[in-house]
C-alpha cells in the first residue's frame, strides 16, 4: 500500500505528466469544436442543396 502512495505522489509532482494531460484535454476540446462545426455546416449545406434541387424542373 505504501508503494502505491509513493507512485501516486511521484506522479502528482511530475510536471511533464501534468502538461501531457493538459495537452490531451486541449486537443479533445479542439476536436469536439471541429466536429460540432462540421456537423452544423454539413446540415446547412444539405439544406441548401435540397432547396436547389426542389426548385429545379
Protein backbone atom coordinates (compact mmCIF):
# COMPACT_ATOMS: atom_id res chain seq x y z
CA UNK A 1 0.00 0.00 0.00
CA UNK A 2 2.88 2.34 0.79
CA UNK A 3 4.34 1.71 -2.66
CA UNK A 4 1.04 2.82 -4.26
CA UNK A 5 1.10 6.07 -2.31
CA UNK A 6 4.71 6.64 -3.35
CA UNK A 7 3.87 6.16 -7.03
CA UNK A 8 0.83 8.46 -6.80
CA UNK A 9 2.91 11.08 -5.00
CA UNK A 10 5.60 10.97 -7.69
CA UNK A 11 3.04 11.25 -10.49
CA UNK A 12 1.29 14.19 -8.85
CA UNK A 13 4.57 16.14 -8.66
CA UNK A 14 5.65 15.30 -12.22
CA UNK A 15 5.27 18.42 -14.38
CA UNK A 16 5.66 16.51 -17.65
CA UNK A 17 2.70 14.29 -16.77
CA UNK A 18 0.54 17.27 -15.92
CA UNK A 19 1.48 19.03 -19.16
CA UNK A 20 0.65 15.99 -21.25
CA UNK A 21 -2.76 15.70 -19.58
CA UNK A 22 -3.41 19.39 -20.24
CA UNK A 23 -2.45 18.99 -23.90
CA UNK A 24 -4.71 15.94 -24.19
CA UNK A 25 -7.65 17.86 -22.74
CA UNK A 26 -6.97 20.81 -25.03
CA UNK A 27 -6.78 18.51 -28.04
CA UNK A 28 -10.05 16.87 -27.05
CA UNK A 29 -11.74 20.27 -26.73
CA UNK A 30 -10.49 21.32 -30.17
CA UNK A 31 -11.68 18.03 -31.68
CA UNK A 32 -15.16 18.48 -30.18
CA UNK A 33 -15.32 22.03 -31.56
CA UNK A 34 -14.30 20.84 -35.04
CA UNK A 35 -16.83 18.00 -35.05
CA UNK A 36 -19.67 20.28 -33.97
CA UNK A 37 -18.74 22.94 -36.54
CA UNK A 38 -18.52 20.41 -39.37
CA UNK A 39 -21.84 18.90 -38.33
CA UNK A 40 -23.54 22.30 -38.37
CA UNK A 41 -22.02 23.29 -41.70
CA UNK A 42 -22.91 19.89 -43.16
CA UNK A 43 -26.55 20.29 -42.19
CA UNK A 44 -26.65 23.78 -43.71
CA UNK A 45 -25.09 22.61 -46.97
CA UNK A 46 -27.52 19.69 -47.14
CA UNK A 47 -30.50 22.02 -46.72
CA UNK A 48 -29.11 24.36 -49.38
CA UNK A 49 -28.75 21.52 -51.91
CA UNK A 50 -32.24 20.25 -51.08
CA UNK A 51 -33.63 23.74 -51.72
CA UNK A 52 -31.80 23.97 -55.04
CA UNK A 53 -32.99 20.50 -56.06
CA UNK A 54 -36.60 21.31 -55.18
CA UNK A 55 -36.58 24.43 -57.38
CA UNK A 56 -35.26 22.62 -60.45
CA UNK A 57 -37.84 21.50 -63.01
